[in-house]
Amino acid sequence: MRATAARRTGRLGLTGLRDFKNIRDDAFATADGRFETDDRNDDHNDAFRHACWNALMTKKYGAEWTEKYTYAHEAIPGNNPEREAMDLHNNEVGRRIAREHPDAGEEELADLVEKAVRDGEMVVIPKGGGRLVFSDQVGPGGTGDPVLPAPEEDREAVSGWADSGGSGSGRRSGAGSGS
């Protein structure tokens, strides 16, 4: 976890940290129940998990806090650019779903996220990597293998980037902001 992300969770207190961990665990368990996977990376399970996690955090902490936390979280050293772009895009879809359905319960949010994965609103990394594809364009066995090298610089050190809570259209996002 990046220092910026750690500072954000540290402000939650002990009860808040337990709730935060439970949200993460719920996203993993729900993803595993809805999308079978071998390794939880680059596939539909991964896309669902990130969006569900963001939807649940948005419901609990608000979209602005969640966006700032997840941008800082994804700016980890050595994070493959395809994975970072995939995660940033899918995180935004989860936040959007939660904003559009403020009265939805956790199960309803999970259903909406699953629909978004199946309808191609999410992105995954296809075999051979080097790009992202919409989640309805490739089956579960056709994902994986990111190939682009990780950036050399520490992105948290880029002035203001990690705390900016940007729109997803900045030079580091890769996935664009239109989702």
Protein backbone atom coordinates (compact mmCIF):
# COMPACT_ATOMS: atom_id res chain seq x y z
CA MET A 1 0.00 0.00 0.00
CA ARG A 2 1.30 3.43 -0.94
CA ALA A 3 1.97 5.96 1.82
CA THR A 4 -0.82 8.23 0.57
CA ALA A 5 -3.31 5.35 0.63
CA ALA A 6 -2.12 4.30 4.08
CA ARG A 7 -2.64 7.83 5.40
CA ARG A 8 -6.21 7.80 4.09
CA THR A 9 -7.07 4.49 5.77
CA GLY A 10 -5.26 5.53 8.96
CA ARG A 11 -7.82 8.30 9.38
CA LEU A 12 -10.61 5.72 9.64
CA GLY A 13 -9.78 4.57 13.19
CA LEU A 14 -9.81 0.97 14.39
CA THR A 15 -13.50 0.30 13.72
CA GLY A 16 -13.21 1.98 10.34
CA LEU A 17 -10.19 -0.12 9.41
CA ARG A 18 -12.14 -3.28 10.27
CA ASP A 19 -15.04 -2.08 8.09
CA PHE A 20 -12.57 -1.19 5.32
CA LYS A 21 -11.04 -4.69 5.42
CA ASN A 22 -14.52 -6.24 5.41
CA ILE A 23 -15.41 -4.31 2.25
CA ARG A 24 -12.27 -5.62 0.57
CA ASP A 25 -12.96 -9.17 1.71
CA ASP A 26 -16.59 -8.94 0.55
CA ALA A 27 -15.47 -7.78 -2.90
CA PHE A 28 -13.05 -10.73 -3.19
CA ALA A 29 -15.63 -13.28 -2.02
CA THR A 30 -18.38 -11.92 -4.24
CA ALA A 31 -16.04 -11.85 -7.26
CA ASP A 32 -15.03 -15.46 -6.62
CA GLY A 33 -18.69 -16.47 -6.40
CA ARG A 34 -19.67 -14.78 -9.65
CA PHE A 35 -16.60 -15.22 -11.88
CA GLU A 36 -14.51 -18.38 -11.65
CA THR A 37 -10.79 -17.69 -11.98
CA ASP A 38 -7.40 -19.34 -11.73
CA ASP A 39 -5.39 -16.42 -10.36
CA ARG A 40 -7.66 -13.34 -9.90
CA ASN A 41 -5.55 -11.21 -12.28
CA ASP A 42 -6.40 -9.48 -15.55
CA ASP A 43 -9.73 -11.24 -16.00
CA HIS A 44 -13.46 -10.77 -15.39
CA ASN A 45 -13.08 -11.67 -11.70
CA ASP A 46 -10.45 -8.94 -11.35
CA ALA A 47 -12.64 -6.40 -13.20
CA PHE A 48 -15.66 -7.26 -11.05
CA ARG A 49 -13.66 -7.18 -7.83
CA HIS A 50 -12.27 -3.70 -8.47
CA ALA A 51 -15.63 -2.25 -9.49
CA CYS A 52 -17.47 -3.92 -6.61
CA TRP A 53 -14.83 -2.76 -4.12
CA ASN A 54 -15.17 0.81 -5.40
CA ALA A 55 -18.98 0.68 -5.39
CA LEU A 56 -19.01 -0.55 -1.77
CA MET A 57 -16.40 2.01 -0.66
CA THR A 58 -18.32 4.78 -2.42
CA LYS A 59 -21.47 3.75 -0.57
CA LYS A 60 -19.62 3.83 2.77
CA TYR A 61 -17.07 6.66 2.35
CA GLY A 62 -18.25 8.69 -0.65
CA ALA A 63 -17.01 8.90 -4.22
CA GLU A 64 -14.36 11.58 -3.65
CA TRP A 65 -12.61 9.74 -0.79
CA THR A 66 -12.82 6.45 -2.70
CA GLU A 67 -11.40 7.96 -5.89
CA LYS A 68 -8.47 9.54 -4.06
CA TYR A 69 -7.74 6.35 -2.12
CA THR A 70 -7.86 4.07 -5.17
CA TYR A 71 -5.71 6.37 -7.32
CA ALA A 72 -3.08 6.35 -4.58
CA HIS A 73 -3.51 2.57 -4.16
CA GLU A 74 -2.92 1.86 -7.86
CA ALA A 75 0.21 4.03 -8.05
CA ILE A 76 2.39 1.27 -6.65
CA PRO A 77 5.98 0.89 -7.84
CA GLY A 78 6.33 -1.77 -10.49
CA ASN A 79 2.60 -1.87 -11.28
CA ASN A 80 2.27 -3.01 -14.88
CA PRO A 81 0.68 -0.22 -16.97
CA GLU A 82 -1.98 -2.51 -18.44
CA ARG A 83 -3.04 -3.63 -14.97
CA GLU A 84 -3.02 -0.09 -13.64
CA ALA A 85 -5.12 1.17 -16.56
CA MET A 86 -7.51 -1.75 -16.22
CA ASP A 87 -7.92 -1.20 -12.49
CA LEU A 88 -8.39 2.57 -12.80
CA HIS A 89 -11.07 2.12 -15.45
CA ASN A 90 -12.94 -0.57 -13.56
CA ASN A 91 -12.65 1.38 -10.29
CA GLU A 92 -14.37 4.33 -11.97
CA VAL A 93 -17.17 2.11 -13.28
CA GLY A 94 -17.80 0.89 -9.72
CA ARG A 95 -17.92 4.44 -8.35
CA ARG A 96 -20.26 5.50 -11.16
CA ILE A 97 -22.61 2.61 -10.41
CA ALA A 98 -22.73 3.57 -6.72
CA ARG A 99 -23.33 7.26 -7.56
CA GLU A 100 -26.13 6.37 -9.98
CA HIS A 101 -27.79 4.04 -7.44
CA PRO A 102 -27.37 5.77 -4.05
CA ASP A 103 -30.12 3.73 -2.38
CA ALA A 104 -28.90 0.35 -3.63
CA GLY A 105 -27.90 -2.25 -1.08
CA GLU A 106 -24.70 -4.27 -1.31
CA GLU A 107 -26.30 -7.18 -3.20
CA GLU A 108 -27.97 -4.84 -5.70
CA LEU A 109 -24.66 -3.04 -6.27
CA ALA A 110 -22.98 -6.40 -6.87
CA ASP A 111 -25.71 -7.33 -9.37
CA LEU A 112 -25.24 -4.02 -11.20
CA VAL A 113 -21.46 -4.51 -11.29
CA GLU A 114 -21.88 -8.05 -12.63
CA LYS A 115 -24.19 -6.73 -15.35
CA ALA A 116 -21.58 -4.10 -16.24
CA VAL A 117 -18.92 -6.82 -16.62
CA ARG A 118 -21.20 -8.98 -18.77
CA ASP A 119 -22.35 -5.99 -20.85
CA GLY A 120 -18.80 -4.90 -21.66
CA GLU A 121 -18.55 -1.74 -19.56
CA MET A 122 -15.42 -3.12 -17.87
CA VAL A 123 -12.03 -3.82 -19.40
CA VAL A 124 -9.74 -6.85 -19.13
CA ILE A 125 -6.29 -7.73 -20.46
CA PRO A 126 -6.39 -10.18 -23.36
CA LYS A 127 -3.81 -12.90 -23.88
CA GLY A 128 -0.80 -11.34 -25.53
CA GLY A 129 -1.33 -8.11 -23.57
CA GLY A 130 -0.28 -4.69 -24.73
CA ARG A 131 -3.82 -3.37 -24.72
CA LEU A 132 -7.18 -3.58 -22.95
CA VAL A 133 -10.41 -4.97 -24.34
CA PHE A 134 -13.98 -4.61 -23.18
CA SER A 135 -15.10 -7.42 -20.91
CA ASP A 136 -17.72 -8.71 -23.35
CA GLN A 137 -15.14 -9.09 -26.14
CA VAL A 138 -13.15 -11.95 -24.62
CA GLY A 139 -14.09 -15.06 -22.68
CA PRO A 140 -12.67 -16.11 -19.32
CA GLY A 141 -9.94 -18.24 -20.91
CA GLY A 142 -8.76 -15.43 -23.15
CA THR A 143 -7.34 -13.08 -20.54
CA GLY A 144 -3.95 -12.52 -18.97
CA ASP A 145 -0.37 -11.86 -19.92
CA PRO A 146 0.27 -8.11 -19.57
CA VAL A 147 3.46 -7.28 -21.44
CA LEU A 148 4.22 -3.57 -21.09
CA PRO A 149 7.11 -2.71 -18.75
CA ALA A 150 6.39 -0.93 -15.50
CA PRO A 151 7.42 2.74 -15.38
CA GLU A 152 10.72 3.53 -13.73
CA GLU A 153 9.63 6.60 -11.76
CA ASP A 154 7.74 6.60 -8.47
CA ARG A 155 4.38 8.08 -9.44
CA GLU A 156 3.59 9.21 -5.91
CA ALA A 157 6.54 11.56 -6.27
CA VAL A 158 4.95 13.16 -9.36
CA SER A 159 3.79 16.51 -8.02
CA GLY A 160 0.24 16.28 -6.74
CA TRP A 161 -0.73 13.25 -8.81
CA ALA A 162 -1.44 10.72 -6.06
CA ASP A 163 -3.52 13.11 -4.00
CA SER A 164 -5.22 14.89 -6.89
CA GLY A 165 -8.15 12.47 -7.14
CA GLY A 166 -8.14 13.18 -10.88
CA SER A 167 -10.81 12.33 -13.37
CA GLY A 168 -9.16 9.28 -14.87
CA SER A 169 -8.12 11.22 -17.95
CA GLY A 170 -4.66 12.22 -16.72
CA ARG A 171 -1.45 11.12 -18.36
CA ARG A 172 -1.14 8.14 -16.01
CA SER A 173 -4.63 6.64 -16.23
CA GLY A 174 -4.36 4.83 -19.55
CA ALA A 175 -8.02 3.78 -19.61
CA GLY A 176 -9.62 7.16 -20.25
CA SER A 177 -12.43 8.80 -18.36
CA GLY A 178 -15.50 8.05 -20.41
CA SER A 179 -16.86 5.34 -18.20
